[in-house]
Amino acid sequence: MYKVWIGNRESEILTYNIFDESITFYGSNINKNTSYTIEHRTPSNYKHDFTNFVIAKIDIIVSNHEKPEFHFYNPVFAYKILSLRPDFKPYFANLIDYEILKWINSKSFVRSWLSKTVDVPPYAVLSKKECNIENLKKLFGNFDCFVVQKDTSGGGEGTYLLTHSSQDVVLSCISNYALFLVSPFLQPKISACCHMLVDRENVFVFPFGTQISEIADNRLLYKGTSYSFDSFFSSDIVNLLHKKANIIGERLRDIGYRGICGLDFIIFNDKVLFIEINARYLGSTFLINKSLKEKHLLSLFDLNTLCFKSNIPIDSLSNIEVGYTSNNEKCLSELTEKDINKIILEKHDSNSEIFWDGFQNTKYASRGSYLYREMFKTIDRSDVINQIHLKEE
């Protein structure tokens, strides 16, 4: 079986590579990787040009290999390709029913569905016209900051922070014709996340990590995830997180969901509040895979496949620990080749493992594009704060 990875970054598979080839938006373009962006770094999108780029590459692979098998970071992209090339379907692995996938990726629909089962933050689904400070204060009380989210988005790209000072800018960025999931911005809080596997009989929840964000351009952007042997959470909170995750997993299993997904929660005033489901691999998947490989266990890619075919080996996973932290760097202003070379030189003596994803080949980076990410061992909470430079305030 000739296995091919299709995703956003080549580094998604580099800590535990079971694939013969990869097609990615960002990557080295060597060692059996084909990258869409090489010299000009642009914000990732899965629109017309990238879709056609991937389709052309799949065509070549299908022609040259008898039984290729394509695995996707995000199954939504697989269905986008199938809408144009349905003949590829026999080669695409681990796809859940599109109807399930479609509504699970709706932030507002899922929060409403699960709100009678697990605690969620106060929320409302509103139009752009309704997203003004005066109206939001009437709905939620005397808060000064609100989270306005597009119904489907990832990595915080569609998550805006609306305040008196940012209101005009934020409203200029969102559509007049869409509805948005709106909640108060609850602070102080801790953002918790986990990977979860769902097969025909079982739900398995991996250790929880702390999700780290930064505020940039009035958006709450994903910065990295920290997993630590010295947990950020009390034992009571950990038990509550696992309990709620398992409840959600059972509900997903009952509607036919199979495979990997990610769950996001926040801990606010000692309450665990569910935020969203990500029906795909996660930005921190490469950290989990690093730990699985060190323990000589199956990769998340293999475990995801097992969810569709049989049952996952829960006993072998029960003692898994993850002691790594990630840090993602994005381009907050346009970068020239001189700027890029300076960044690379400054990171030369870093004590982290850096995944450049082709950044060394870049001559120009547009604002908002991904630059690189790094992985380092987590020592304790202060270590995470110092090394990632937490920017959420």
Protein backbone atom coordinates (compact mmCIF):
# COMPACT_ATOMS: atom_id res chain seq x y z
CA MET A 1 0.00 0.00 0.00
CA TYR A 2 1.43 3.37 -1.06
CA LYS A 3 0.40 5.89 1.61
CA VAL A 4 0.21 9.61 0.95
CA TRP A 5 -0.37 12.44 3.42
CA ILE A 6 -2.29 15.54 2.36
CA GLY A 7 -2.22 18.43 4.82
CA ASN A 8 -1.21 21.93 5.71
CA ARG A 9 2.37 21.34 6.89
CA GLU A 10 4.95 18.66 6.23
CA SER A 11 5.88 18.73 9.92
CA GLU A 12 2.50 17.15 10.71
CA ILE A 13 4.09 13.78 9.88
CA LEU A 14 7.77 14.28 10.69
CA THR A 15 7.72 13.11 14.33
CA TYR A 16 6.19 9.77 13.29
CA ASN A 17 6.22 9.23 9.55
CA ILE A 18 4.35 6.21 8.18
CA PHE A 19 3.86 7.75 4.73
CA ASP A 20 5.63 7.21 1.43
CA GLU A 21 4.89 10.72 0.18
CA SER A 22 3.28 13.98 1.28
CA ILE A 23 1.45 16.85 -0.41
CA THR A 24 1.25 19.99 1.71
CA PHE A 25 0.62 23.70 1.56
CA TYR A 26 3.90 24.34 3.44
CA GLY A 27 6.85 21.98 3.17
CA SER A 28 10.44 21.33 2.17
CA ASN A 29 9.63 20.16 -1.37
CA ILE A 30 12.28 17.44 -0.92
CA ASN A 31 12.30 13.91 0.54
CA LYS A 32 9.04 12.90 -1.18
CA ASN A 33 7.25 16.11 -0.15
CA THR A 34 5.49 18.30 -2.69
CA SER A 35 4.83 21.80 -1.38
CA TYR A 36 2.45 24.39 -2.79
CA THR A 37 4.29 27.43 -1.39
CA ILE A 38 8.02 27.64 -1.97
CA GLU A 39 9.59 31.07 -2.48
CA HIS A 40 6.53 33.18 -1.63
CA ARG A 41 5.00 32.37 1.76
CA THR A 42 1.26 33.13 1.75
CA PRO A 43 -1.55 32.51 4.26
CA SER A 44 -2.84 28.96 3.82
CA ASN A 45 -6.15 28.45 2.10
CA TYR A 46 -7.76 25.47 0.43
CA LYS A 47 -9.35 27.40 -2.39
CA HIS A 48 -9.22 26.95 -6.15
CA ASP A 49 -5.46 27.06 -6.84
CA PHE A 50 -4.35 24.76 -4.02
CA THR A 51 -7.20 22.34 -4.71
CA ASN A 52 -6.20 22.03 -8.35
CA PHE A 53 -2.55 21.65 -7.32
CA VAL A 54 -3.45 18.68 -5.09
CA ILE A 55 -5.76 17.12 -7.68
CA ALA A 56 -2.98 17.21 -10.30
CA LYS A 57 -0.59 15.49 -7.90
CA ILE A 58 -3.16 12.84 -6.94
CA ASP A 59 -3.69 12.10 -10.63
CA ILE A 60 0.02 11.41 -11.06
CA ILE A 61 0.20 9.17 -8.00
CA VAL A 62 -2.90 7.19 -9.00
CA SER A 63 -1.38 6.64 -12.45
CA ASN A 64 1.94 5.43 -11.05
CA HIS A 65 0.84 3.25 -8.13
CA GLU A 66 -1.53 0.33 -8.10
CA LYS A 67 -3.13 0.90 -4.67
CA PRO A 68 -2.41 4.38 -3.35
CA GLU A 69 -4.09 5.44 -0.12
CA PHE A 70 -4.56 9.12 0.70
CA HIS A 71 -4.85 10.34 4.29
CA PHE A 72 -6.06 13.87 5.02
CA TYR A 73 -5.28 16.23 7.89
CA ASN A 74 -8.79 17.60 7.44
CA PRO A 75 -11.46 15.36 5.88
CA VAL A 76 -13.44 18.43 4.78
CA PHE A 77 -10.74 19.03 2.17
CA ALA A 78 -11.08 15.43 1.00
CA TYR A 79 -14.76 16.00 0.31
CA LYS A 80 -13.98 19.25 -1.50
CA ILE A 81 -11.73 17.29 -3.86
CA LEU A 82 -14.36 14.55 -4.25
CA SER A 83 -16.92 17.14 -5.31
CA LEU A 84 -14.67 17.78 -8.32
CA ARG A 85 -13.24 14.29 -8.77
CA PRO A 86 -15.59 11.61 -7.40
CA ASP A 87 -13.47 8.96 -9.11
CA PHE A 88 -10.85 9.44 -6.37
CA LYS A 89 -13.13 8.11 -3.63
CA PRO A 90 -11.77 4.51 -3.59
CA TYR A 91 -8.33 5.90 -2.75
CA PHE A 92 -9.34 8.16 0.16
CA ALA A 93 -8.97 6.60 3.61
CA ASN A 94 -10.90 7.11 6.85
CA LEU A 95 -13.75 9.37 5.76
CA ILE A 96 -16.79 9.66 7.98
CA ASP A 97 -20.16 10.47 6.45
CA TYR A 98 -20.17 14.01 5.07
CA GLU A 99 -23.50 14.83 6.75
CA ILE A 100 -21.98 14.11 10.18
CA LEU A 101 -18.83 16.03 9.36
CA LYS A 102 -20.74 19.06 8.08
CA TRP A 103 -22.71 19.80 11.23
CA ILE A 104 -19.96 18.79 13.68
CA ASN A 105 -17.83 21.54 12.13
CA SER A 106 -20.57 24.05 12.89
CA LYS A 107 -19.52 25.73 16.15
CA SER A 108 -23.02 27.00 16.94
CA PHE A 109 -24.81 23.75 16.06
CA VAL A 110 -22.48 21.60 18.19
CA ARG A 111 -22.61 23.94 21.18
CA SER A 112 -26.40 23.88 21.05
CA TRP A 113 -26.45 20.07 20.65
CA LEU A 114 -24.20 19.46 23.64
CA SER A 115 -25.41 22.27 25.91
CA LYS A 116 -27.94 20.00 27.62
CA THR A 117 -25.25 17.40 28.35
CA VAL A 118 -22.17 19.43 29.34
CA ASP A 119 -21.71 22.98 30.60
CA VAL A 120 -20.99 25.63 27.96
CA PRO A 121 -20.27 29.37 28.20
CA PRO A 122 -23.16 31.81 27.76
CA TYR A 123 -23.70 32.22 24.03
CA ALA A 124 -25.98 33.52 21.34
CA VAL A 125 -26.13 33.16 17.55
CA LEU A 126 -26.33 36.66 16.10
CA SER A 127 -26.18 38.62 12.87
CA LYS A 128 -23.52 41.25 12.21
CA LYS A 129 -26.01 44.01 12.97
CA GLU A 130 -26.66 42.49 16.41
CA CYS A 131 -22.93 42.29 17.21
CA ASN A 132 -22.50 45.69 18.81
CA ILE A 133 -21.33 46.40 22.34
CA GLU A 134 -24.60 47.91 23.53
CA ASN A 135 -26.65 44.95 22.38
CA LEU A 136 -24.13 42.39 23.70
CA LYS A 137 -24.14 44.02 27.15
CA LYS A 138 -27.92 43.73 27.21
CA LEU A 139 -27.69 40.04 26.33
CA PHE A 140 -24.79 38.96 28.54
CA GLY A 141 -24.43 41.55 31.27
CA ASN A 142 -21.67 43.99 32.05
CA PHE A 143 -18.75 42.48 30.11
CA ASP A 144 -16.26 44.66 28.22
CA CYS A 145 -15.00 42.10 25.70
CA PHE A 146 -16.78 39.51 23.56
CA VAL A 147 -15.74 36.61 21.32
CA VAL A 148 -17.33 36.71 17.87
CA GLN A 149 -16.75 33.53 15.84
CA LYS A 150 -17.46 32.49 12.30
CA ASP A 151 -19.50 29.30 12.35
CA THR A 152 -16.72 27.30 10.69
CA SER A 153 -13.05 28.22 11.02
CA GLY A 154 -9.86 26.92 12.58
CA GLY A 155 -6.77 28.11 14.41
CA GLY A 156 -8.52 31.25 15.56
CA GLU A 157 -8.58 32.74 12.06
CA GLY A 158 -12.33 33.33 12.35
CA THR A 159 -12.34 34.24 16.05
CA TYR A 160 -12.52 37.97 16.79
CA LEU A 161 -12.33 39.92 20.04
CA LEU A 162 -14.88 42.70 20.05
CA THR A 163 -14.44 45.65 22.42
CA HIS A 164 -15.41 49.33 22.34
CA SER A 165 -12.08 50.14 20.66
CA SER A 166 -12.05 47.23 18.18
CA GLN A 167 -15.76 47.21 17.29
CA ASP A 168 -15.52 49.14 14.01
CA VAL A 169 -12.55 47.14 12.74
CA VAL A 170 -14.01 43.77 13.72
CA LEU A 171 -17.41 44.48 12.17
CA SER A 172 -15.69 45.55 8.94
CA CYS A 173 -14.08 42.09 8.76
CA ILE A 174 -17.24 39.98 9.07
CA SER A 175 -20.01 39.29 6.58
CA ASN A 176 -23.33 41.09 6.47
CA TYR A 177 -25.02 37.85 5.46
CA ALA A 178 -23.75 35.31 8.00
CA LEU A 179 -24.61 34.39 11.59
CA PHE A 180 -21.94 34.33 14.30
CA LEU A 181 -21.45 32.50 17.59
CA VAL A 182 -20.97 35.15 20.29
CA SER A 183 -19.90 34.74 23.92
CA PRO A 184 -18.41 36.94 26.63
CA PHE A 185 -14.61 36.79 26.76
CA LEU A 186 -14.22 35.05 30.12
CA GLN A 187 -11.05 35.90 32.03
CA PRO A 188 -8.98 34.67 33.79
CA LYS A 189 -9.28 31.24 32.27
CA ILE A 190 -7.23 28.26 31.12
CA SER A 191 -7.86 26.74 27.70
CA ALA A 192 -7.70 22.93 27.72
CA CYS A 193 -7.63 20.61 24.72
CA CYS A 194 -7.33 16.92 23.97
CA HIS A 195 -7.19 14.37 21.19
CA MET A 196 -9.90 11.72 21.23
CA LEU A 197 -10.38 8.47 19.31
CA VAL A 198 -13.81 6.95 18.70
CA ASP A 199 -14.27 3.42 17.39
CA ARG A 200 -17.31 1.10 17.26
CA GLU A 201 -17.16 0.26 20.98
CA ASN A 202 -14.75 2.61 22.72
CA VAL A 203 -13.83 6.21 23.35
CA PHE A 204 -10.24 6.98 24.28
CA VAL A 205 -9.18 10.41 25.55
CA PHE A 206 -5.50 11.33 25.41
CA PRO A 207 -3.88 13.53 28.09
CA PHE A 208 -5.11 17.09 28.19
CA GLY A 209 -2.89 19.96 27.17
CA THR A 210 -3.04 23.68 27.72
CA GLN A 211 -3.78 25.63 24.58
CA ILE A 212 -1.92 28.91 24.23
CA SER A 213 -3.19 31.81 22.15
CA GLU A 214 -2.07 35.28 21.19
CA ILE A 215 -4.10 38.33 20.33
CA ALA A 216 -3.19 39.80 16.95
CA ASP A 217 -5.24 41.91 14.54
CA ASN A 218 -8.18 41.68 16.99
CA ARG A 219 -8.20 37.90 16.63
CA LEU A 220 -7.49 35.16 19.14
CA LEU A 221 -4.94 33.07 17.23
CA TYR A 222 -3.64 29.60 18.11
CA LYS A 223 -0.05 29.85 19.31
CA GLY A 224 0.79 26.39 20.62
CA THR A 225 -0.05 23.60 23.04
CA SER A 226 1.72 22.49 26.18
CA TYR A 227 1.53 18.96 27.54
CA SER A 228 3.20 18.47 30.88
CA PHE A 229 3.82 15.62 33.29
CA ASP A 230 3.28 18.22 36.03
CA SER A 231 -0.28 19.00 35.07
CA PHE A 232 -1.59 22.53 34.82
CA PHE A 233 -4.82 21.27 36.34
CA SER A 234 -5.83 19.92 39.74
CA SER A 235 -6.80 16.24 39.91
CA ASP A 236 -10.45 17.26 40.31
CA ILE A 237 -10.32 19.35 37.13
CA VAL A 238 -8.51 16.58 35.23
CA ASN A 239 -11.17 14.06 36.27
CA LEU A 240 -13.92 16.46 35.26
CA LEU A 241 -12.29 17.13 31.89
CA HIS A 242 -12.04 13.42 31.16
CA LYS A 243 -15.61 12.80 32.31
CA LYS A 244 -17.00 15.49 30.02
CA ALA A 245 -14.81 14.39 27.10
CA ASN A 246 -16.04 10.81 27.45
CA ILE A 247 -19.66 11.96 27.54
CA ILE A 248 -19.10 13.87 24.30
CA GLY A 249 -17.28 10.90 22.78
CA GLU A 250 -20.17 8.57 23.57
CA ARG A 251 -22.63 10.95 21.93
CA LEU A 252 -20.40 11.16 18.86
CA ARG A 253 -20.11 7.38 18.70
CA ASP A 254 -23.89 6.99 18.93
CA ILE A 255 -24.39 9.06 15.76
CA GLY A 256 -21.78 7.08 13.84
CA TYR A 257 -18.70 9.25 14.25
CA ARG A 258 -15.45 7.31 13.88
CA GLY A 259 -11.80 8.24 14.14
CA ILE A 260 -9.86 11.13 15.54
CA CYS A 261 -11.12 14.49 16.73
CA GLY A 262 -10.11 17.24 19.11
CA LEU A 263 -12.06 18.84 21.94
CA ASP A 264 -11.59 22.33 23.36
CA PHE A 265 -12.67 23.41 26.84
CA ILE A 266 -12.01 26.35 29.12
CA ILE A 267 -11.65 26.28 32.90
CA PHE A 268 -13.27 29.39 34.37
CA ASN A 269 -14.05 29.87 38.08
CA ASP A 270 -13.30 26.14 38.63
CA LYS A 271 -15.96 25.17 36.08
CA VAL A 272 -15.19 23.16 32.95
CA LEU A 273 -16.96 24.64 29.94
CA PHE A 274 -17.09 22.95 26.53
CA ILE A 275 -16.11 25.12 23.55
CA GLU A 276 -15.92 23.09 20.33
CA ILE A 277 -15.12 19.88 18.45
CA ASN A 278 -12.48 19.75 15.72
CA ALA A 279 -13.28 16.80 13.47
CA ARG A 280 -9.72 16.35 12.19
CA TYR A 281 -6.12 16.05 13.34
CA LEU A 282 -4.88 18.97 15.45
CA GLY A 283 -2.03 21.44 15.48
CA SER A 284 -0.55 19.48 18.40
CA THR A 285 -0.88 16.03 16.80
CA PHE A 286 2.84 15.95 16.07
CA LEU A 287 3.53 16.22 19.82
CA ILE A 288 1.31 13.25 20.64
CA ASN A 289 2.92 11.25 17.83
CA LYS A 290 6.38 12.08 19.18
CA SER A 291 5.45 10.48 22.51
CA LEU A 292 3.77 7.49 20.87
CA LYS A 293 6.88 6.74 18.83
CA GLU A 294 9.13 7.00 21.90
CA LYS A 295 6.94 4.38 23.57
CA HIS A 296 7.00 2.17 20.43
CA LEU A 297 3.22 2.47 20.12
CA LEU A 298 1.08 2.90 17.02
CA SER A 299 0.92 6.37 15.52
CA LEU A 300 -2.25 8.47 15.61
CA PHE A 301 -2.48 7.85 11.86
CA ASP A 302 -2.57 4.08 12.42
CA LEU A 303 -4.93 4.39 15.39
CA ASN A 304 -7.29 6.55 13.35
CA THR A 305 -7.41 3.85 10.68
CA LEU A 306 -8.16 1.19 13.30
CA CYS A 307 -11.19 3.19 14.47
CA PHE A 308 -12.78 2.61 11.05
CA LYS A 309 -11.87 -1.09 10.82
CA SER A 310 -11.98 -2.60 14.32
CA ASN A 311 -11.14 -1.38 17.82
CA ILE A 312 -8.16 0.54 19.12
CA PRO A 313 -5.79 -1.11 21.67
CA ILE A 314 -6.89 0.96 24.67
CA ASP A 315 -4.82 -1.00 27.21
CA SER A 316 -1.56 -0.17 25.47
CA LEU A 317 -2.41 3.55 25.46
CA SER A 318 -3.64 3.87 29.03
CA ASN A 319 -0.33 5.09 30.50
CA ILE A 320 0.73 7.40 27.71
CA GLU A 321 2.32 10.66 28.87
CA VAL A 322 3.15 13.66 26.73
CA GLY A 323 5.82 16.06 27.88
CA TYR A 324 6.21 18.42 24.94
CA THR A 325 5.24 21.97 24.08
CA SER A 326 4.81 23.57 20.67
CA ASN A 327 5.19 27.15 19.53
CA ASN A 328 3.86 28.38 16.17
CA GLU A 329 5.17 31.55 14.57
CA LYS A 330 3.09 33.58 12.15
CA CYS A 331 3.99 36.54 9.99
CA LEU A 332 2.53 39.65 11.62
CA SER A 333 4.05 41.97 9.01
CA GLU A 334 5.46 41.43 5.53
CA LEU A 335 8.94 39.91 5.47
CA THR A 336 11.67 40.30 2.85
CA GLU A 337 14.44 37.78 2.17
CA LYS A 338 16.75 39.80 4.45
CA ASP A 339 14.20 39.61 7.31
CA ILE A 340 13.77 35.89 6.76
CA ASN A 341 17.51 35.18 6.81
CA LYS A 342 17.80 37.14 10.06
CA ILE A 343 15.04 35.06 11.69
CA ILE A 344 16.69 31.81 10.60
CA LEU A 345 20.09 32.96 11.90
CA GLU A 346 18.64 34.02 15.25
CA LYS A 347 17.00 30.60 15.72
CA HIS A 348 20.21 28.74 14.83
CA ASP A 349 21.21 28.15 18.46
CA SER A 350 17.71 27.50 19.76
CA ASN A 351 17.31 24.75 22.35
CA SER A 352 14.11 23.63 20.63
CA GLU A 353 13.60 21.34 17.66
CA ILE A 354 12.54 23.59 14.79
CA PHE A 355 10.27 22.52 11.95
CA TRP A 356 10.85 25.01 9.15
CA ASP A 357 8.33 23.52 6.69
CA GLY A 358 10.26 25.04 3.80
CA PHE A 359 10.74 28.47 5.42
CA GLN A 360 14.46 28.41 4.51
CA ASN A 361 13.49 28.52 0.82
CA THR A 362 11.28 31.58 1.27
CA LYS A 363 12.15 34.89 -0.42
CA TYR A 364 9.08 36.80 0.72
CA ALA A 365 6.39 36.21 3.35
CA SER A 366 2.98 37.86 3.26
CA ARG A 367 1.27 39.10 6.40
CA GLY A 368 -0.73 36.33 8.08
CA SER A 369 1.28 33.45 6.66
CA TYR A 370 2.73 30.62 8.74
CA LEU A 371 6.49 30.84 9.27
CA TYR A 372 7.68 27.83 11.30
CA ARG A 373 7.03 25.95 14.51
CA GLU A 374 9.14 24.46 17.24
CA MET A 375 8.90 21.69 19.80
CA PHE A 376 10.62 21.49 23.15
CA LYS A 377 10.34 19.41 26.28
CA THR A 378 8.03 20.86 28.89
CA ILE A 379 9.63 21.28 32.30
CA ASP A 380 6.98 23.14 34.27
CA ARG A 381 4.39 25.85 33.86
CA SER A 382 6.85 28.75 34.16
CA ASP A 383 8.98 27.10 31.49
CA VAL A 384 6.04 27.18 29.09
CA ILE A 385 5.29 30.82 29.83
CA ASN A 386 8.92 31.87 29.40
CA GLN A 387 9.60 29.96 26.20
CA ILE A 388 6.36 30.61 24.34
CA HIS A 389 5.89 34.20 25.58
CA LEU A 390 2.17 33.97 26.21
CA LYS A 391 0.52 36.96 24.54
CA GLU A 392 -3.11 36.54 25.52
CA GLU A 393 -3.98 39.31 27.92
